[in-house]
Amino acid sequence: MDEKKRPIAIDPPDCGCTECIVGEYVPLREASEDQIAQMLRGELRDHTSVPFRVSARWELYDPHPDSQHLVSVQVIADLWNGTTLTWDVTPYLDVLPGQVFGPPRD
């Protein structure tokens, strides 16, 4: 049984090039949340030519009202044809959901 290659890049959304077919690259539309997080960390090359937005949701951390914790991080790609692709990369980040940011706690 052939072991599937680990991709080294993410290509445009509907790419069907040889590299995508053999698994060296992955088309953006087929990219997993883990692969998108790897691209953001610089572990996979970005060949997409697509603008990305990153949306982070934070909540205040009680009992320290000056602190907040990370709830979720989404990556959004707005494609040229008006289609939007979204990935929740929260589980794949070095910063964990619920991690508190703000003044040191006593």
PDB file of N, CA and C in Angstrom:
ATOM      1  N   MET A   1       0.852  -1.183   0.000  1.00  0.00           N
ATOM      2  CA  MET A   1       0.000   0.000   0.000  1.00  0.00           C
ATOM      3  C   MET A   1       0.891   1.237   0.000  1.00  0.00           C
ATOM      4  N   ASP A   2       0.602   2.210  -0.885  1.00  0.00           N
ATOM      5  CA  ASP A   2       1.376   3.438  -0.951  1.00  0.00           C
ATOM      6  C   ASP A   2       0.994   4.364   0.185  1.00  0.00           C
ATOM      7  N   GLU A   3       2.006   4.920   0.818  1.00  0.00           N
ATOM      8  CA  GLU A   3       1.758   5.896   1.868  1.00  0.00           C
ATOM      9  C   GLU A   3       1.552   7.260   1.206  1.00  0.00           C
ATOM     10  N   LYS A   4       0.518   7.971   1.615  1.00  0.00           N
ATOM     11  CA  LYS A   4       0.220   9.264   1.010  1.00  0.00           C
ATOM     12  C   LYS A   4       1.292  10.278   1.384  1.00  0.00           C
ATOM     13  N   LYS A   5       1.721  11.055   0.393  1.00  0.00           N
ATOM     14  CA  LYS A   5       2.723  12.092   0.617  1.00  0.00           C
ATOM     15  C   LYS A   5       2.164  13.197   1.494  1.00  0.00           C
ATOM     16  N   ARG A   6       3.041  13.774   2.281  1.00  0.00           N
ATOM     17  CA  ARG A   6       2.674  14.973   3.032  1.00  0.00           C
ATOM     18  C   ARG A   6       2.881  16.154   2.090  1.00  0.00           C
ATOM     19  N   PRO A   7       1.841  16.960   1.859  1.00  0.00           N
ATOM     20  CA  PRO A   7       1.992  18.073   0.922  1.00  0.00           C
ATOM     21  C   PRO A   7       3.009  19.095   1.431  1.00  0.00           C
ATOM     22  N   ILE A   8       3.612  19.810   0.472  1.00  0.00           N
ATOM     23  CA  ILE A   8       4.562  20.864   0.822  1.00  0.00           C
ATOM     24  C   ILE A   8       4.006  22.249   0.513  1.00  0.00           C
ATOM     25  N   ALA A   9       2.827  22.301  -0.135  1.00  0.00           N
ATOM     26  CA  ALA A   9       2.248  23.587  -0.501  1.00  0.00           C
ATOM     27  C   ALA A   9       0.737  23.460  -0.674  1.00  0.00           C
ATOM     28  N   ILE A  10       0.064  24.611  -0.578  1.00  0.00           N
ATOM     29  CA  ILE A  10      -1.366  24.693  -0.879  1.00  0.00           C
ATOM     30  C   ILE A  10      -1.505  25.510  -2.154  1.00  0.00           C
ATOM     31  N   ASP A  11      -2.178  24.933  -3.144  1.00  0.00           N
ATOM     32  CA  ASP A  11      -2.350  25.541  -4.458  1.00  0.00           C
ATOM     33  C   ASP A  11      -3.702  26.249  -4.551  1.00  0.00           C
ATOM     34  N   PRO A  12      -3.971  26.934  -5.686  1.00  0.00           N
ATOM     35  CA  PRO A  12      -5.270  27.599  -5.861  1.00  0.00           C
ATOM     36  C   PRO A  12      -6.436  26.626  -5.656  1.00  0.00           C
ATOM     37  N   PRO A  13      -7.626  27.168  -5.402  1.00  0.00           N
ATOM     38  CA  PRO A  13      -8.769  26.356  -4.967  1.00  0.00           C
ATOM     39  C   PRO A  13      -9.114  25.160  -5.844  1.00  0.00           C
ATOM     40  N   ASP A  14      -9.121  25.312  -7.135  1.00  0.00           N
ATOM     41  CA  ASP A  14      -9.569  24.233  -8.012  1.00  0.00           C
ATOM     42  C   ASP A  14      -8.440  23.669  -8.857  1.00  0.00           C
ATOM     43  N   CYS A  15      -7.228  23.734  -8.352  1.00  0.00           N
ATOM     44  CA  CYS A  15      -6.066  23.288  -9.103  1.00  0.00           C
ATOM     45  C   CYS A  15      -6.132  21.792  -9.356  1.00  0.00           C
ATOM     46  N   GLY A  16      -5.682  21.391 -10.511  1.00  0.00           N
ATOM     47  CA  GLY A  16      -5.639  19.973 -10.858  1.00  0.00           C
ATOM     48  C   GLY A  16      -4.294  19.607 -11.449  1.00  0.00           C
ATOM     49  N   CYS A  17      -3.256  20.323 -11.028  1.00  0.00           N
ATOM     50  CA  CYS A  17      -1.922  20.084 -11.573  1.00  0.00           C
ATOM     51  C   CYS A  17      -1.392  18.716 -11.128  1.00  0.00           C
ATOM     52  N   THR A  18      -0.336  18.290 -11.744  1.00  0.00           N
ATOM     53  CA  THR A  18       0.275  16.998 -11.422  1.00  0.00           C
ATOM     54  C   THR A  18       0.649  16.917  -9.948  1.00  0.00           C
ATOM     55  N   GLU A  19       1.209  18.005  -9.386  1.00  0.00           N
ATOM     56  CA  GLU A  19       1.621  17.998  -7.983  1.00  0.00           C
ATOM     57  C   GLU A  19       0.427  17.774  -7.054  1.00  0.00           C
ATOM     58  N   CYS A  20      -0.730  18.365  -7.396  1.00  0.00           N
ATOM     59  CA  CYS A  20      -1.943  18.156  -6.592  1.00  0.00           C
ATOM     60  C   CYS A  20      -2.446  16.726  -6.740  1.00  0.00           C
ATOM     61  N   ILE A  21      -2.373  16.198  -7.945  1.00  0.00           N
ATOM     62  CA  ILE A  21      -2.856  14.841  -8.194  1.00  0.00           C
ATOM     63  C   ILE A  21      -2.022  13.817  -7.424  1.00  0.00           C
ATOM     64  N   VAL A  22      -0.700  14.018  -7.369  1.00  0.00           N
ATOM     65  CA  VAL A  22       0.160  13.041  -6.686  1.00  0.00           C
ATOM     66  C   VAL A  22       0.289  13.316  -5.188  1.00  0.00           C
ATOM     67  N   GLY A  23      -0.273  14.436  -4.715  1.00  0.00           N
ATOM     68  CA  GLY A  23      -0.268  14.722  -3.283  1.00  0.00           C
ATOM     69  C   GLY A  23       0.879  15.578  -2.782  1.00  0.00           C
ATOM     70  N   GLU A  24       1.703  16.080  -3.696  1.00  0.00           N
ATOM     71  CA  GLU A  24       2.792  16.973  -3.282  1.00  0.00           C
ATOM     72  C   GLU A  24       2.234  18.334  -2.867  1.00  0.00           C
ATOM     73  N   TYR A  25       1.183  18.779  -3.547  1.00  0.00           N
ATOM     74  CA  TYR A  25       0.450  19.996  -3.209  1.00  0.00           C
ATOM     75  C   TYR A  25      -0.985  19.586  -2.913  1.00  0.00           C
ATOM     76  N   VAL A  26      -1.750  20.499  -2.301  1.00  0.00           N
ATOM     77  CA  VAL A  26      -3.172  20.251  -2.071  1.00  0.00           C
ATOM     78  C   VAL A  26      -3.944  21.495  -2.544  1.00  0.00           C
ATOM     79  N   PRO A  27      -5.023  21.307  -3.325  1.00  0.00           N
ATOM     80  CA  PRO A  27      -5.831  22.452  -3.722  1.00  0.00           C
ATOM     81  C   PRO A  27      -6.481  23.094  -2.483  1.00  0.00           C
ATOM     82  N   LEU A  28      -6.569  24.398  -2.469  1.00  0.00           N
ATOM     83  CA  LEU A  28      -7.114  25.126  -1.320  1.00  0.00           C
ATOM     84  C   LEU A  28      -8.482  24.598  -0.916  1.00  0.00           C
ATOM     85  N   ARG A  29      -9.330  24.326  -1.884  1.00  0.00           N
ATOM     86  CA  ARG A  29     -10.696  23.870  -1.576  1.00  0.00           C
ATOM     87  C   ARG A  29     -10.685  22.526  -0.825  1.00  0.00           C
ATOM     88  N   GLU A  30      -9.618  21.740  -0.971  1.00  0.00           N
ATOM     89  CA  GLU A  30      -9.513  20.443  -0.308  1.00  0.00           C
ATOM     90  C   GLU A  30      -8.624  20.477   0.936  1.00  0.00           C
ATOM     91  N   ALA A  31      -8.066  21.626   1.252  1.00  0.00           N
ATOM     92  CA  ALA A  31      -7.142  21.729   2.389  1.00  0.00           C
ATOM     93  C   ALA A  31      -7.874  21.520   3.707  1.00  0.00           C
ATOM     94  N   SER A  32      -7.232  20.788   4.596  1.00  0.00           N
ATOM     95  CA  SER A  32      -7.808  20.558   5.921  1.00  0.00           C
ATOM     96  C   SER A  32      -7.499  21.749   6.834  1.00  0.00           C
ATOM     97  N   GLU A  33      -8.171  21.780   7.966  1.00  0.00           N
ATOM     98  CA  GLU A  33      -7.908  22.836   8.946  1.00  0.00           C
ATOM     99  C   GLU A  33      -6.465  22.767   9.431  1.00  0.00           C
ATOM    100  N   ASP A  34      -5.961  21.552   9.630  1.00  0.00           N
ATOM    101  CA  ASP A  34      -4.573  21.379  10.048  1.00  0.00           C
ATOM    102  C   ASP A  34      -3.615  21.930   8.995  1.00  0.00           C
ATOM    103  N   GLN A  35      -3.886  21.677   7.719  1.00  0.00           N
ATOM    104  CA  GLN A  35      -3.017  22.179   6.651  1.00  0.00           C
ATOM    105  C   GLN A  35      -3.055  23.700   6.556  1.00  0.00           C
ATOM    106  N   ILE A  36      -4.218  24.300   6.769  1.00  0.00           N
ATOM    107  CA  ILE A  36      -4.303  25.768   6.763  1.00  0.00           C
ATOM    108  C   ILE A  36      -3.481  26.329   7.920  1.00  0.00           C
ATOM    109  N   ALA A  37      -3.572  25.719   9.098  1.00  0.00           N
ATOM    110  CA  ALA A  37      -2.767  26.167  10.238  1.00  0.00           C
ATOM    111  C   ALA A  37      -1.278  26.004   9.939  1.00  0.00           C
ATOM    112  N   GLN A  38      -0.887  24.923   9.280  1.00  0.00           N
ATOM    113  CA  GLN A  38       0.510  24.734   8.901  1.00  0.00           C
ATOM    114  C   GLN A  38       0.961  25.831   7.939  1.00  0.00           C
ATOM    115  N   MET A  39       0.096  26.225   7.020  1.00  0.00           N
ATOM    116  CA  MET A  39       0.430  27.298   6.091  1.00  0.00           C
ATOM    117  C   MET A  39       0.636  28.611   6.845  1.00  0.00           C
ATOM    118  N   LEU A  40      -0.238  28.896   7.813  1.00  0.00           N
ATOM    119  CA  LEU A  40      -0.095  30.124   8.596  1.00  0.00           C
ATOM    120  C   LEU A  40       1.210  30.142   9.385  1.00  0.00           C
ATOM    121  N   ARG A  41       1.653  28.970   9.842  1.00  0.00           N
ATOM    122  CA  ARG A  41       2.906  28.872  10.593  1.00  0.00           C
ATOM    123  C   ARG A  41       4.127  28.832   9.674  1.00  0.00           C
ATOM    124  N   GLY A  42       3.924  28.803   8.361  1.00  0.00           N
ATOM    125  CA  GLY A  42       5.033  28.761   7.422  1.00  0.00           C
ATOM    126  C   GLY A  42       5.558  27.362   7.146  1.00  0.00           C
ATOM    127  N   GLU A  43       4.835  26.341   7.569  1.00  0.00           N
ATOM    128  CA  GLU A  43       5.260  24.958   7.356  1.00  0.00           C
ATOM    129  C   GLU A  43       4.838  24.426   5.991  1.00  0.00           C
ATOM    130  N   LEU A  44       3.823  25.034   5.383  1.00  0.00           N
ATOM    131  CA  LEU A  44       3.405  24.734   4.011  1.00  0.00           C
ATOM    132  C   LEU A  44       3.461  26.035   3.219  1.00  0.00           C
ATOM    133  N   ARG A  45       3.908  25.947   1.975  1.00  0.00           N
ATOM    134  CA  ARG A  45       3.975  27.141   1.127  1.00  0.00           C
ATOM    135  C   ARG A  45       2.571  27.529   0.666  1.00  0.00           C
ATOM    136  N   ASP A  46       2.382  28.822   0.476  1.00  0.00           N
ATOM    137  CA  ASP A  46       1.104  29.368   0.009  1.00  0.00           C
ATOM    138  C   ASP A  46       1.231  29.694  -1.475  1.00  0.00           C
ATOM    139  N   HIS A  47       0.648  28.865  -2.329  1.00  0.00           N
ATOM    140  CA  HIS A  47       0.623  29.092  -3.772  1.00  0.00           C
ATOM    141  C   HIS A  47      -0.762  29.545  -4.229  1.00  0.00           C
ATOM    142  N   THR A  48      -1.611  29.945  -3.296  1.00  0.00           N
ATOM    143  CA  THR A  48      -3.030  30.136  -3.598  1.00  0.00           C
ATOM    144  C   THR A  48      -3.362  31.406  -4.377  1.00  0.00           C
ATOM    145  N   SER A  49      -2.615  32.473  -4.178  1.00  0.00           N
ATOM    146  CA  SER A  49      -2.946  33.792  -4.755  1.00  0.00           C
ATOM    147  C   SER A  49      -4.309  34.275  -4.267  1.00  0.00           C
ATOM    148  N   VAL A  50      -4.690  33.857  -3.066  1.00  0.00           N
ATOM    149  CA  VAL A  50      -5.983  34.207  -2.486  1.00  0.00           C
ATOM    150  C   VAL A  50      -5.744  35.003  -1.211  1.00  0.00           C
ATOM    151  N   PRO A  51      -6.482  36.124  -1.024  1.00  0.00           N
ATOM    152  CA  PRO A  51      -6.359  36.850   0.251  1.00  0.00           C
ATOM    153  C   PRO A  51      -7.066  36.083   1.374  1.00  0.00           C
ATOM    154  N   PHE A  52      -6.433  36.067   2.538  1.00  0.00           N
ATOM    155  CA  PHE A  52      -6.999  35.407   3.702  1.00  0.00           C
ATOM    156  C   PHE A  52      -7.290  36.434   4.786  1.00  0.00           C
ATOM    157  N   ARG A  53      -8.340  36.177   5.563  1.00  0.00           N
ATOM    158  CA  ARG A  53      -8.623  36.952   6.772  1.00  0.00           C
ATOM    159  C   ARG A  53      -8.548  35.988   7.942  1.00  0.00           C
ATOM    160  N   VAL A  54      -8.070  36.477   9.068  1.00  0.00           N
ATOM    161  CA  VAL A  54      -8.038  35.669  10.283  1.00  0.00           C
ATOM    162  C   VAL A  54      -8.921  36.357  11.307  1.00  0.00           C
ATOM    163  N   SER A  55      -9.862  35.610  11.853  1.00  0.00           N
ATOM    164  CA  SER A  55     -10.804  36.144  12.827  1.00  0.00           C
ATOM    165  C   SER A  55     -10.613  35.405  14.144  1.00  0.00           C
ATOM    166  N   ALA A  56     -10.291  36.158  15.193  1.00  0.00           N
ATOM    167  CA  ALA A  56     -10.126  35.558  16.525  1.00  0.00           C
ATOM    168  C   ALA A  56     -11.243  36.062  17.427  1.00  0.00           C
ATOM    169  N   ARG A  57     -11.836  35.151  18.177  1.00  0.00           N
ATOM    170  CA  ARG A  57     -12.890  35.534  19.125  1.00  0.00           C
ATOM    171  C   ARG A  57     -12.331  35.392  20.534  1.00  0.00           C
ATOM    172  N   TRP A  58     -12.442  36.487  21.274  1.00  0.00           N
ATOM    173  CA  TRP A  58     -11.944  36.560  22.640  1.00  0.00           C
ATOM    174  C   TRP A  58     -13.101  36.848  23.579  1.00  0.00           C
ATOM    175  N   GLU A  59     -12.982  36.411  24.807  1.00  0.00           N
ATOM    176  CA  GLU A  59     -13.962  36.738  25.839  1.00  0.00           C
ATOM    177  C   GLU A  59     -13.223  37.231  27.069  1.00  0.00           C
ATOM    178  N   LEU A  60     -13.878  38.098  27.816  1.00  0.00           N
ATOM    179  CA  LEU A  60     -13.286  38.566  29.064  1.00  0.00           C
ATOM    180  C   LEU A  60     -13.171  37.411  30.035  1.00  0.00           C
ATOM    181  N   TYR A  61     -12.097  37.423  30.798  1.00  0.00           N
ATOM    182  CA  TYR A  61     -11.829  36.341  31.743  1.00  0.00           C
ATOM    183  C   TYR A  61     -12.209  36.807  33.135  1.00  0.00           C
ATOM    184  N   ASP A  62     -13.230  36.189  33.674  1.00  0.00           N
ATOM    185  CA  ASP A  62     -13.683  36.529  35.015  1.00  0.00           C
ATOM    186  C   ASP A  62     -12.897  35.649  35.991  1.00  0.00           C
ATOM    187  N   PRO A  63     -12.344  36.100  37.054  1.00  0.00           N
ATOM    188  CA  PRO A  63     -12.618  37.325  37.795  1.00  0.00           C
ATOM    189  C   PRO A  63     -11.658  38.474  37.474  1.00  0.00           C
ATOM    190  N   HIS A  64     -10.832  38.365  36.420  1.00  0.00           N
ATOM    191  CA  HIS A  64      -9.902  39.436  36.063  1.00  0.00           C
ATOM    192  C   HIS A  64     -10.435  40.173  34.842  1.00  0.00           C
ATOM    193  N   PRO A  65     -11.184  41.260  35.035  1.00  0.00           N
ATOM    194  CA  PRO A  65     -11.846  41.920  33.905  1.00  0.00           C
ATOM    195  C   PRO A  65     -10.874  42.517  32.888  1.00  0.00           C
ATOM    196  N   ASP A  66      -9.593  42.681  33.246  1.00  0.00           N
ATOM    197  CA  ASP A  66      -8.626  43.203  32.283  1.00  0.00           C
ATOM    198  C   ASP A  66      -7.990  42.096  31.449  1.00  0.00           C
ATOM    199  N   SER A  67      -8.328  40.861  31.742  1.00  0.00           N
ATOM    200  CA  SER A  67      -7.761  39.724  31.021  1.00  0.00           C
ATOM    201  C   SER A  67      -8.813  39.145  30.073  1.00  0.00           C
ATOM    202  N   GLN A  68      -8.331  38.436  29.080  1.00  0.00           N
ATOM    203  CA  GLN A  68      -9.247  37.791  28.147  1.00  0.00           C
ATOM    204  C   GLN A  68      -8.687  36.429  27.769  1.00  0.00           C
ATOM    205  N   HIS A  69      -9.563  35.560  27.278  1.00  0.00           N
ATOM    206  CA  HIS A  69      -9.088  34.255  26.821  1.00  0.00           C
ATOM    207  C   HIS A  69      -9.582  33.996  25.401  1.00  0.00           C
ATOM    208  N   LEU A  70      -8.779  33.230  24.696  1.00  0.00           N
ATOM    209  CA  LEU A  70      -9.060  32.901  23.308  1.00  0.00           C
ATOM    210  C   LEU A  70     -10.152  31.838  23.235  1.00  0.00           C
ATOM    211  N   VAL A  71     -11.159  32.091  22.416  1.00  0.00           N
ATOM    212  CA  VAL A  71     -12.253  31.144  22.251  1.00  0.00           C
ATOM    213  C   VAL A  71     -12.104  30.391  20.933  1.00  0.00           C
ATOM    214  N   SER A  72     -11.860  31.104  19.849  1.00  0.00           N
ATOM    215  CA  SER A  72     -11.724  30.432  18.556  1.00  0.00           C
ATOM    216  C   SER A  72     -10.972  31.306  17.568  1.00  0.00           C
ATOM    217  N   VAL A  73     -10.358  30.645  16.579  1.00  0.00           N
ATOM    218  CA  VAL A  73      -9.662  31.337  15.489  1.00  0.00           C
ATOM    219  C   VAL A  73     -10.128  30.708  14.184  1.00  0.00           C
ATOM    220  N   GLN A  74     -10.626  31.555  13.288  1.00  0.00           N
ATOM    221  CA  GLN A  74     -11.063  31.092  11.977  1.00  0.00           C
ATOM    222  C   GLN A  74     -10.248  31.779  10.900  1.00  0.00           C
ATOM    223  N   VAL A  75      -9.962  31.034   9.833  1.00  0.00           N
ATOM    224  CA  VAL A  75      -9.296  31.573   8.650  1.00  0.00           C
ATOM    225  C   VAL A  75     -10.333  31.578   7.544  1.00  0.00           C
ATOM    226  N   ILE A  76     -10.460  32.732   6.886  1.00  0.00           N
ATOM    227  CA  ILE A  76     -11.465  32.910   5.840  1.00  0.00           C
ATOM    228  C   ILE A  76     -10.763  33.282   4.539  1.00  0.00           C
ATOM    229  N   ALA A  77     -11.112  32.605   3.456  1.00  0.00           N
ATOM    230  CA  ALA A  77     -10.588  32.922   2.129  1.00  0.00           C
ATOM    231  C   ALA A  77     -11.746  33.419   1.279  1.00  0.00           C
ATOM    232  N   ASP A  78     -11.579  34.608   0.723  1.00  0.00           N
ATOM    233  CA  ASP A  78     -12.580  35.173  -0.184  1.00  0.00           C
ATOM    234  C   ASP A  78     -12.107  34.936  -1.615  1.00  0.00           C
ATOM    235  N   LEU A  79     -12.761  34.009  -2.312  1.00  0.00           N
ATOM    236  CA  LEU A  79     -12.348  33.646  -3.660  1.00  0.00           C
ATOM    237  C   LEU A  79     -12.852  34.646  -4.688  1.00  0.00           C
ATOM    238  N   TRP A  80     -12.226  34.656  -5.832  1.00  0.00           N
ATOM    239  CA  TRP A  80     -12.527  35.607  -6.892  1.00  0.00           C
ATOM    240  C   TRP A  80     -13.969  35.507  -7.379  1.00  0.00           C
ATOM    241  N   ASN A  81     -14.594  34.333  -7.251  1.00  0.00           N
ATOM    242  CA  ASN A  81     -15.966  34.146  -7.752  1.00  0.00           C
ATOM    243  C   ASN A  81     -17.035  34.443  -6.700  1.00  0.00           C
ATOM    244  N   GLY A  82     -16.627  35.017  -5.568  1.00  0.00           N
ATOM    245  CA  GLY A  82     -17.576  35.363  -4.513  1.00  0.00           C
ATOM    246  C   GLY A  82     -17.771  34.274  -3.473  1.00  0.00           C
ATOM    247  N   THR A  83     -17.182  33.105  -3.693  1.00  0.00           N
ATOM    248  CA  THR A  83     -17.269  32.006  -2.730  1.00  0.00           C
ATOM    249  C   THR A  83     -16.365  32.293  -1.546  1.00  0.00           C
ATOM    250  N   THR A  84     -16.809  31.908  -0.372  1.00  0.00           N
ATOM    251  CA  THR A  84     -16.008  32.047   0.841  1.00  0.00           C
ATOM    252  C   THR A  84     -15.742  30.667   1.419  1.00  0.00           C
ATOM    253  N   LEU A  85     -14.476  30.406   1.728  1.00  0.00           N
ATOM    254  CA  LEU A  85     -14.084  29.164   2.396  1.00  0.00           C
ATOM    255  C   LEU A  85     -13.654  29.518   3.811  1.00  0.00           C
ATOM    256  N   THR A  86     -14.028  28.693   4.779  1.00  0.00           N
ATOM    257  CA  THR A  86     -13.713  28.976   6.186  1.00  0.00           C
ATOM    258  C   THR A  86     -13.179  27.723   6.859  1.00  0.00           C
ATOM    259  N   TRP A  87     -12.151  27.904   7.679  1.00  0.00           N
ATOM    260  CA  TRP A  87     -11.564  26.816   8.460  1.00  0.00           C
ATOM    261  C   TRP A  87     -11.445  27.270   9.902  1.00  0.00           C
ATOM    262  N   ASP A  88     -11.796  26.408  10.842  1.00  0.00           N
ATOM    263  CA  ASP A  88     -11.572  26.664  12.262  1.00  0.00           C
ATOM    264  C   ASP A  88     -10.238  26.019  12.619  1.00  0.00           C
ATOM    265  N   VAL A  89      -9.198  26.849  12.810  1.00  0.00           N
ATOM    266  CA  VAL A  89      -7.851  26.338  13.069  1.00  0.00           C
ATOM    267  C   VAL A  89      -7.502  26.320  14.553  1.00  0.00           C
ATOM    268  N   THR A  90      -8.469  26.616  15.404  1.00  0.00           N
ATOM    269  CA  THR A  90      -8.214  26.710  16.844  1.00  0.00           C
ATOM    270  C   THR A  90      -7.463  25.506  17.404  1.00  0.00           C
ATOM    271  N   PRO A  91      -7.881  24.274  17.106  1.00  0.00           N
ATOM    272  CA  PRO A  91      -7.194  23.126  17.714  1.00  0.00           C
ATOM    273  C   PRO A  91      -5.751  22.940  17.239  1.00  0.00           C
ATOM    274  N   TYR A  92      -5.360  23.630  16.173  1.00  0.00           N
ATOM    275  CA  TYR A  92      -4.050  23.413  15.566  1.00  0.00           C
ATOM    276  C   TYR A  92      -3.051  24.524  15.865  1.00  0.00           C
ATOM    277  N   LEU A  93      -3.423  25.438  16.746  1.00  0.00           N
ATOM    278  CA  LEU A  93      -2.539  26.565  17.071  1.00  0.00           C
ATOM    279  C   LEU A  93      -1.726  26.277  18.319  1.00  0.00           C
ATOM    280  N   ASP A  94      -0.600  26.961  18.441  1.00  0.00           N
ATOM    281  CA  ASP A  94       0.225  26.838  19.640  1.00  0.00           C
ATOM    282  C   ASP A  94      -0.449  27.486  20.834  1.00  0.00           C
ATOM    283  N   VAL A  95      -1.325  28.472  20.565  1.00  0.00           N
ATOM    284  CA  VAL A  95      -2.090  29.123  21.623  1.00  0.00           C
ATOM    285  C   VAL A  95      -3.364  28.308  21.799  1.00  0.00           C
ATOM    286  N   LEU A  96      -3.605  27.854  22.989  1.00  0.00           N
ATOM    287  CA  LEU A  96      -4.747  26.980  23.224  1.00  0.00           C
ATOM    288  C   LEU A  96      -5.997  27.774  23.565  1.00  0.00           C
ATOM    289  N   PRO A  97      -7.172  27.322  23.126  1.00  0.00           N
ATOM    290  CA  PRO A  97      -8.399  27.972  23.539  1.00  0.00           C
ATOM    291  C   PRO A  97      -8.478  27.987  25.056  1.00  0.00           C
ATOM    292  N   GLY A  98      -8.937  29.082  25.591  1.00  0.00           N
ATOM    293  CA  GLY A  98      -9.052  29.217  27.025  1.00  0.00           C
ATOM    294  C   GLY A  98      -7.804  29.772  27.686  1.00  0.00           C
ATOM    295  N   GLN A  99      -6.701  29.875  26.922  1.00  0.00           N
ATOM    296  CA  GLN A  99      -5.479  30.448  27.502  1.00  0.00           C
ATOM    297  C   GLN A  99      -5.734  31.913  27.822  1.00  0.00           C
ATOM    298  N   VAL A 100      -5.307  32.343  28.997  1.00  0.00           N
ATOM    299  CA  VAL A 100      -5.598  33.689  29.473  1.00  0.00           C
ATOM    300  C   VAL A 100      -4.475  34.640  29.083  1.00  0.00           C
ATOM    301  N   PHE A 101      -4.863  35.817  28.607  1.00  0.00           N
ATOM    302  CA  PHE A 101      -3.925  36.888  28.283  1.00  0.00           C
ATOM    303  C   PHE A 101      -4.317  38.114  29.080  1.00  0.00           C
ATOM    304  N   GLY A 102      -3.353  38.791  29.607  1.00  0.00           N
ATOM    305  CA  GLY A 102      -3.640  39.995  30.378  1.00  0.00           C
ATOM    306  C   GLY A 102      -2.694  40.146  31.538  1.00  0.00           C
ATOM    307  N   PRO A 103      -3.063  40.961  32.507  1.00  0.00           N
ATOM    308  CA  PRO A 103      -2.193  41.216  33.662  1.00  0.00           C
ATOM    309  C   PRO A 103      -1.873  39.913  34.407  1.00  0.00           C
ATOM    310  N   PRO A 104      -0.679  39.836  35.009  1.00  0.00           N
ATOM    311  CA  PRO A 104      -0.342  38.639  35.789  1.00  0.00           C
ATOM    312  C   PRO A 104      -1.339  38.404  36.895  1.00  0.00           C
ATOM    313  N   ARG A 105      -1.623  37.158  37.116  1.00  0.00           N
ATOM    314  CA  ARG A 105      -2.555  36.802  38.184  1.00  0.00           C
ATOM    315  C   ARG A 105      -1.797  36.639  39.491  1.00  0.00           C
ATOM    316  N   ASP A 106      -2.489  36.967  40.581  1.00  0.00           N
ATOM    317  CA  ASP A 106      -1.871  36.823  41.914  1.00  0.00           C
ATOM    318  C   ASP A 106      -1.850  35.390  42.351  1.00  0.00           C
TER     319      ASP A 106
END
